[in-house]
Amino acid sequence: MGLSTACCAVKWGNEYGGLRLPAGYVFTTKEAGVQATMKDFLTGLAQEAGQMALAYRARGQELQVDFKSERDLVTEADRAIEEMIVAAIARRYPGHGVTGEEGGDQAGLEYRWIIDPIDGTAAFVHDQPFFSTSIAVERAGEVVLGAVCAPVLGELYLAERGGGAWCNGRRLRVSRRGRLGESMLATGFACLRSGLAENNLPYLLALLPQLRDLRRYGSAAIDLAYVAAGRLEGYWELNLHEYDVAAGLLLVAEAGGRYSDFRGARAGLYGEVAASNGLVHEALLAAFAAVRAARQGASGAGPVART
């Protein structure tokens, strides 16, 4: 049926026009009818992207792989999936804007679609399961819909602002663990791929001894979906882009979690992303503040190498 284990297809249907949504998944925005139709379309689009990713993945080492930088990969699958998504949106909603990771941008007015065709390209290239397609819909500057499809895992995550977060028809809620010592967190290292001097390593060294354990999946969208699903208590990363996290942050918020930058605000959100179940968020922010204070103290003591 396309997606591994046929999970998404069985739970959600597989046609753009007749998708089956789970009981209790209600629309609460003012334009409920318009948004309901858009969510049906988004669901089908995410499924088709997942099916395309699996088809390309089956080609293995025959897949064409290029480099955006020394460590940042892009494949023909990234480009083809984004082109499919952008073309489908243009046909269905010709007045909508689009922002895509691979440059599939087009101007629009009220609505904008934010697309990461394969989040976790390194995992995709190395035949690992933790990659996803992330699609968010923004209305008047606010993300109102989000989908994350992890096809190898057979999981389709959906969120609607005010309408909850769901995975394959199951309502999502963040975990209730309230201490870092009983928490499992995830992080990533886009900052290292970009060669940034101010990178994630000091935060990792500060947090790791305080945690139950740490995971590194390689897809920000999956990390955030796992926070929403209660599989992780939190996630942090630096040097991301809106297409990496737009859908995932809505999932976290609609599952009862919290997100911010490392100072607890939203001003530098894509440069610093922290998401949690809400219960451990202040502890995360305190750890980040301690790292900043240590850096400032070291700078004041004389010339030092910045990590």
Protein backbone atom coordinates (compact mmCIF):
# COMPACT_ATOMS: atom_id res chain seq x y z
CA MET A 1 0.00 0.00 0.00
CA GLY A 2 2.96 2.33 -0.33
CA LEU A 3 3.92 3.24 3.22
CA SER A 4 5.74 0.67 5.31
CA THR A 5 3.31 -1.48 7.34
CA ALA A 6 0.46 0.25 5.43
CA CYS A 7 -0.20 2.07 8.69
CA CYS A 8 -0.94 5.51 7.32
CA ALA A 9 -2.97 4.22 4.39
CA VAL A 10 -5.12 2.01 6.61
CA LYS A 11 -5.75 4.66 9.22
CA TRP A 12 -6.21 7.69 7.03
CA GLY A 13 -7.29 6.56 3.55
CA ASN A 14 -5.26 7.18 0.44
CA GLU A 15 -7.19 9.47 -1.88
CA TYR A 16 -7.03 13.25 -1.85
CA GLY A 17 -10.78 13.70 -1.98
CA GLY A 18 -12.06 11.04 0.44
CA LEU A 19 -9.72 10.87 3.39
CA ARG A 20 -11.02 9.38 6.63
CA LEU A 21 -10.20 11.49 9.67
CA PRO A 22 -10.24 10.07 13.20
CA ALA A 23 -13.27 10.48 15.42
CA GLY A 24 -12.95 13.55 17.58
CA TYR A 25 -10.60 15.39 15.21
CA VAL A 26 -12.59 18.63 15.01
CA PHE A 27 -12.03 21.89 13.20
CA THR A 28 -12.12 24.94 15.39
CA THR A 29 -10.99 27.79 13.14
CA LYS A 30 -13.39 30.34 11.70
CA GLU A 31 -13.09 28.95 8.20
CA ALA A 32 -13.66 25.36 9.27
CA GLY A 33 -14.90 24.13 5.92
CA VAL A 34 -11.99 25.62 3.98
CA GLN A 35 -9.44 24.34 6.46
CA ALA A 36 -11.02 20.88 6.63
CA THR A 37 -10.64 20.53 2.88
CA MET A 38 -7.09 21.84 3.10
CA LYS A 39 -6.27 19.31 5.81
CA ASP A 40 -7.60 16.48 3.66
CA PHE A 41 -5.35 17.69 0.87
CA LEU A 42 -2.37 18.06 3.22
CA THR A 43 -2.86 14.51 4.49
CA GLY A 44 -2.88 13.04 1.00
CA LEU A 45 0.10 15.15 -0.01
CA ALA A 46 2.15 13.95 2.97
CA GLN A 47 1.24 10.34 2.18
CA GLU A 48 2.25 10.69 -1.46
CA ALA A 49 5.56 12.27 -0.41
CA GLY A 50 6.19 9.31 1.88
CA GLN A 51 5.45 6.83 -0.88
CA MET A 52 7.83 8.66 -3.22
CA ALA A 53 10.56 8.64 -0.56
CA LEU A 54 10.20 4.87 -0.15
CA ALA A 55 10.39 4.34 -3.90
CA TYR A 56 13.58 6.38 -4.17
CA ARG A 57 15.03 4.69 -1.08
CA ALA A 58 14.57 1.30 -2.72
CA ARG A 59 17.11 2.32 -5.36
CA GLY A 60 19.85 2.22 -2.73
CA GLN A 61 23.30 3.25 -3.93
CA GLU A 62 21.96 4.07 -7.39
CA LEU A 63 20.38 7.20 -5.89
CA GLN A 64 22.00 10.42 -7.08
CA VAL A 65 23.51 12.34 -4.16
CA ASP A 66 24.94 15.86 -4.32
CA PHE A 67 26.42 18.19 -1.72
CA LYS A 68 25.16 21.59 -0.62
CA SER A 69 28.33 21.82 1.46
CA GLU A 70 31.02 19.38 2.55
CA ARG A 71 28.63 17.56 4.93
CA ASP A 72 25.15 18.73 3.90
CA LEU A 73 23.60 16.29 1.44
CA VAL A 74 20.82 16.67 -1.09
CA THR A 75 19.46 13.88 -3.26
CA GLU A 76 17.37 13.62 -6.39
CA ALA A 77 14.60 12.41 -4.08
CA ASP A 78 14.65 15.70 -2.12
CA ARG A 79 14.23 17.65 -5.32
CA ALA A 80 11.63 15.37 -6.89
CA ILE A 81 9.45 15.23 -3.78
CA GLU A 82 9.54 18.99 -3.34
CA GLU A 83 8.70 19.51 -7.01
CA MET A 84 5.72 17.16 -6.66
CA ILE A 85 4.47 18.97 -3.55
CA VAL A 86 4.89 22.44 -5.04
CA ALA A 87 3.18 21.45 -8.29
CA ALA A 88 0.26 19.87 -6.43
CA ILE A 89 -0.21 23.00 -4.29
CA ALA A 90 -0.05 25.24 -7.37
CA ARG A 91 -2.78 23.20 -9.07
CA ARG A 92 -5.06 23.05 -6.04
CA TYR A 93 -4.32 26.46 -4.45
CA PRO A 94 -2.77 28.69 -7.14
CA GLY A 95 -2.90 31.80 -4.94
CA HIS A 96 -0.93 30.25 -2.06
CA GLY A 97 2.71 30.93 -1.32
CA VAL A 98 5.34 28.23 -0.92
CA THR A 99 8.67 28.06 0.89
CA GLY A 100 10.68 24.89 0.23
CA GLU A 101 14.09 23.77 1.43
CA GLU A 102 15.27 23.03 -2.09
CA GLY A 103 14.22 26.38 -3.49
CA GLY A 104 10.69 25.64 -4.66
CA ASP A 105 9.51 29.10 -3.60
CA GLN A 106 6.54 31.03 -4.94
CA ALA A 107 4.86 34.16 -3.67
CA GLY A 108 1.37 34.14 -2.21
CA LEU A 109 -1.04 36.16 -0.14
CA GLU A 110 -2.91 34.80 2.88
CA TYR A 111 -1.60 31.22 2.94
CA ARG A 112 1.94 29.87 2.73
CA TRP A 113 3.08 26.22 2.64
CA ILE A 114 6.41 25.45 4.32
CA ILE A 115 8.05 22.28 3.01
CA ASP A 116 10.97 20.05 3.92
CA PRO A 117 10.77 17.18 1.40
CA ILE A 118 13.19 14.90 3.28
CA ASP A 119 14.17 15.97 6.77
CA GLY A 120 17.00 13.66 7.72
CA THR A 121 18.65 13.26 4.33
CA ALA A 122 21.76 11.66 5.85
CA ALA A 123 19.61 8.93 7.40
CA PHE A 124 17.81 8.52 4.09
CA VAL A 125 21.08 8.10 2.18
CA HIS A 126 22.44 5.63 4.75
CA ASP A 127 19.29 3.47 4.60
CA GLN A 128 18.21 4.31 8.13
CA PRO A 129 14.54 4.79 9.12
CA PHE A 130 14.59 8.20 10.79
CA PHE A 131 13.70 10.58 7.98
CA SER A 132 10.45 12.36 7.24
CA THR A 133 8.57 14.79 5.06
CA SER A 134 7.43 17.91 6.91
CA ILE A 135 4.72 20.21 5.53
CA ALA A 136 3.18 23.15 7.39
CA VAL A 137 0.45 25.57 6.34
CA GLU A 138 0.70 29.13 7.54
CA ARG A 139 -2.23 31.52 7.46
CA ALA A 140 -1.61 35.25 7.93
CA GLY A 141 1.74 34.52 9.57
CA GLU A 142 0.51 31.77 11.93
CA VAL A 143 1.02 28.05 11.34
CA VAL A 144 -2.43 26.46 11.41
CA LEU A 145 -1.80 22.97 10.00
CA GLY A 146 1.15 20.62 10.06
CA ALA A 147 1.99 17.13 8.83
CA VAL A 148 5.04 14.96 9.41
CA CYS A 149 5.17 11.67 7.52
CA ALA A 150 7.82 9.13 8.59
CA PRO A 151 7.21 6.45 5.95
CA VAL A 152 9.60 3.71 7.10
CA LEU A 153 8.12 4.00 10.59
CA GLY A 154 4.60 3.92 9.12
CA GLU A 155 3.61 7.07 11.00
CA LEU A 156 1.68 10.11 9.86
CA TYR A 157 1.51 12.97 12.36
CA LEU A 158 -1.08 15.73 11.92
CA ALA A 159 -1.79 18.88 13.89
CA GLU A 160 -4.33 21.67 13.62
CA ARG A 161 -4.11 24.84 15.65
CA GLY A 162 -6.80 24.50 18.28
CA GLY A 163 -7.72 21.01 17.06
CA GLY A 164 -5.06 18.81 18.64
CA ALA A 165 -2.18 16.62 17.49
CA TRP A 166 -2.60 13.10 16.17
CA CYS A 167 -0.61 10.12 14.89
CA ASN A 168 -2.40 7.55 12.74
CA GLY A 169 -5.70 8.48 14.37
CA ARG A 170 -4.39 8.46 17.98
CA ARG A 171 -4.56 11.68 19.98
CA LEU A 172 -1.14 12.80 21.19
CA ARG A 173 -0.20 14.20 24.59
CA VAL A 174 3.22 15.11 25.92
CA SER A 175 4.72 13.08 28.75
CA ARG A 176 4.26 13.93 32.43
CA ARG A 177 7.86 13.40 33.56
CA GLY A 178 8.92 16.50 35.42
CA ARG A 179 12.65 16.13 36.12
CA LEU A 180 15.64 16.07 33.79
CA GLY A 181 16.97 13.04 35.66
CA GLU A 182 14.02 10.95 34.48
CA SER A 183 13.92 12.49 31.01
CA MET A 184 15.02 11.33 27.58
CA LEU A 185 15.95 14.21 25.28
CA ALA A 186 17.07 14.49 21.67
CA THR A 187 19.32 16.93 19.92
CA GLY A 188 21.10 17.48 16.60
CA PHE A 189 24.17 19.10 15.14
CA ALA A 190 23.26 21.23 12.14
CA CYS A 191 25.59 23.82 13.70
CA LEU A 192 28.59 21.50 13.29
CA ARG A 193 27.74 20.73 9.67
CA SER A 194 27.75 24.48 9.09
CA GLY A 195 31.09 24.94 10.86
CA LEU A 196 29.74 27.40 13.41
CA ALA A 197 32.10 28.43 16.20
CA GLU A 198 29.20 28.79 18.67
CA ASN A 199 27.83 25.29 18.44
CA ASN A 200 25.89 22.68 20.39
CA LEU A 201 28.78 20.89 22.09
CA PRO A 202 28.83 22.97 25.31
CA TYR A 203 25.06 22.50 25.71
CA LEU A 204 25.43 18.77 25.14
CA LEU A 205 28.20 18.50 27.73
CA ALA A 206 26.14 20.46 30.25
CA LEU A 207 22.91 18.51 29.77
CA LEU A 208 24.03 14.94 29.15
CA PRO A 209 25.08 14.17 32.75
CA GLN A 210 21.70 15.43 33.98
CA LEU A 211 19.54 13.18 31.77
CA ARG A 212 18.26 9.65 31.89
CA ASP A 213 19.44 9.30 28.29
CA LEU A 214 19.88 11.09 24.98
CA ARG A 215 18.84 10.28 21.43
CA ARG A 216 20.05 11.68 18.12
CA TYR A 217 17.62 10.75 15.33
CA GLY A 218 18.79 13.24 12.71
CA SER A 219 15.37 14.64 11.77
CA ALA A 220 14.13 17.68 13.67
CA ALA A 221 10.59 16.95 12.51
CA ILE A 222 10.69 13.45 14.00
CA ASP A 223 12.31 14.75 17.20
CA LEU A 224 9.47 17.22 17.68
CA ALA A 225 6.84 14.64 16.78
CA TYR A 226 8.33 12.35 19.45
CA VAL A 227 8.08 15.14 22.03
CA ALA A 228 4.42 15.55 21.09
CA ALA A 229 3.89 11.79 21.37
CA GLY A 230 5.46 11.61 24.84
CA ARG A 231 8.39 9.48 23.63
CA LEU A 232 10.80 12.30 24.46
CA GLU A 233 10.58 14.88 27.23
CA GLY A 234 12.43 17.48 25.19
CA TYR A 235 14.54 18.44 22.22
CA TRP A 236 16.99 21.22 21.47
CA GLU A 237 19.09 22.26 18.49
CA LEU A 238 20.79 25.28 16.93
CA ASN A 239 20.97 26.71 13.42
CA LEU A 240 17.72 25.35 12.03
CA HIS A 241 15.30 26.77 9.46
CA GLU A 242 11.56 27.21 9.55
CA TYR A 243 10.98 24.32 7.15
CA ASP A 244 12.78 22.00 9.61
CA VAL A 245 10.45 22.74 12.50
CA ALA A 246 7.25 24.56 11.44
CA ALA A 247 5.04 21.46 11.44
CA GLY A 248 6.78 19.86 14.42
CA LEU A 249 6.40 22.87 16.67
CA LEU A 250 2.67 22.92 16.02
CA LEU A 251 2.55 19.22 16.97
CA VAL A 252 4.28 20.00 20.28
CA ALA A 253 2.01 22.92 21.07
CA GLU A 254 -1.18 21.02 20.23
CA ALA A 255 -0.04 18.05 22.34
CA GLY A 256 0.28 20.31 25.39
CA GLY A 257 4.00 21.06 25.21
CA ARG A 258 6.05 24.23 25.11
CA TYR A 259 8.66 25.64 22.76
CA SER A 260 10.93 28.68 22.73
CA ASP A 261 14.44 29.82 21.97
CA PHE A 262 17.16 29.16 24.56
CA ARG A 263 16.12 32.25 26.54
CA GLY A 264 12.45 31.33 26.78
CA ALA A 265 11.29 33.73 24.06
CA ARG A 266 10.50 33.35 20.36
CA ALA A 267 12.82 36.05 19.00
CA GLY A 268 15.63 33.75 17.89
CA LEU A 269 13.52 30.66 17.42
CA TYR A 270 15.11 29.09 14.35
CA GLY A 271 18.64 29.84 15.53
CA GLU A 272 17.85 28.18 18.86
CA VAL A 273 14.98 25.72 19.23
CA ALA A 274 13.99 24.22 22.57
CA ALA A 275 10.82 22.12 22.82
CA SER A 276 9.58 20.09 25.76
CA ASN A 277 6.64 18.66 27.62
CA GLY A 278 6.56 21.97 29.49
CA LEU A 279 7.43 20.38 32.82
CA VAL A 280 11.18 20.29 32.17
CA HIS A 281 11.34 23.48 30.13
CA GLU A 282 12.57 25.77 32.89
CA ALA A 283 15.30 23.28 33.78
CA LEU A 284 16.39 23.27 30.14
CA LEU A 285 16.48 27.06 30.04
CA ALA A 286 18.51 27.11 33.27
CA ALA A 287 21.07 24.75 31.75
CA PHE A 288 21.32 26.93 28.65
CA ALA A 289 21.77 30.04 30.82
CA ALA A 290 24.58 28.34 32.75
CA VAL A 291 26.40 27.58 29.49
CA ARG A 292 26.06 31.19 28.35
CA ALA A 293 27.33 32.45 31.71
CA ALA A 294 30.33 30.14 31.55
CA ARG A 295 31.15 31.35 28.05
CA GLN A 296 30.91 34.97 29.13
CA GLY A 297 33.08 34.29 32.16
CA ALA A 298 35.71 32.59 30.04
CA SER A 299 35.66 35.49 27.57
CA GLY A 300 36.13 37.98 30.40
CA ALA A 301 39.11 36.09 31.77
CA GLY A 302 41.12 36.63 28.60
CA PRO A 303 41.38 35.36 25.04
CA VAL A 304 40.08 31.80 24.74
CA ALA A 305 39.11 29.57 21.88
CA ARG A 306 35.33 29.53 21.39
CA THR A 307 33.73 26.15 20.97
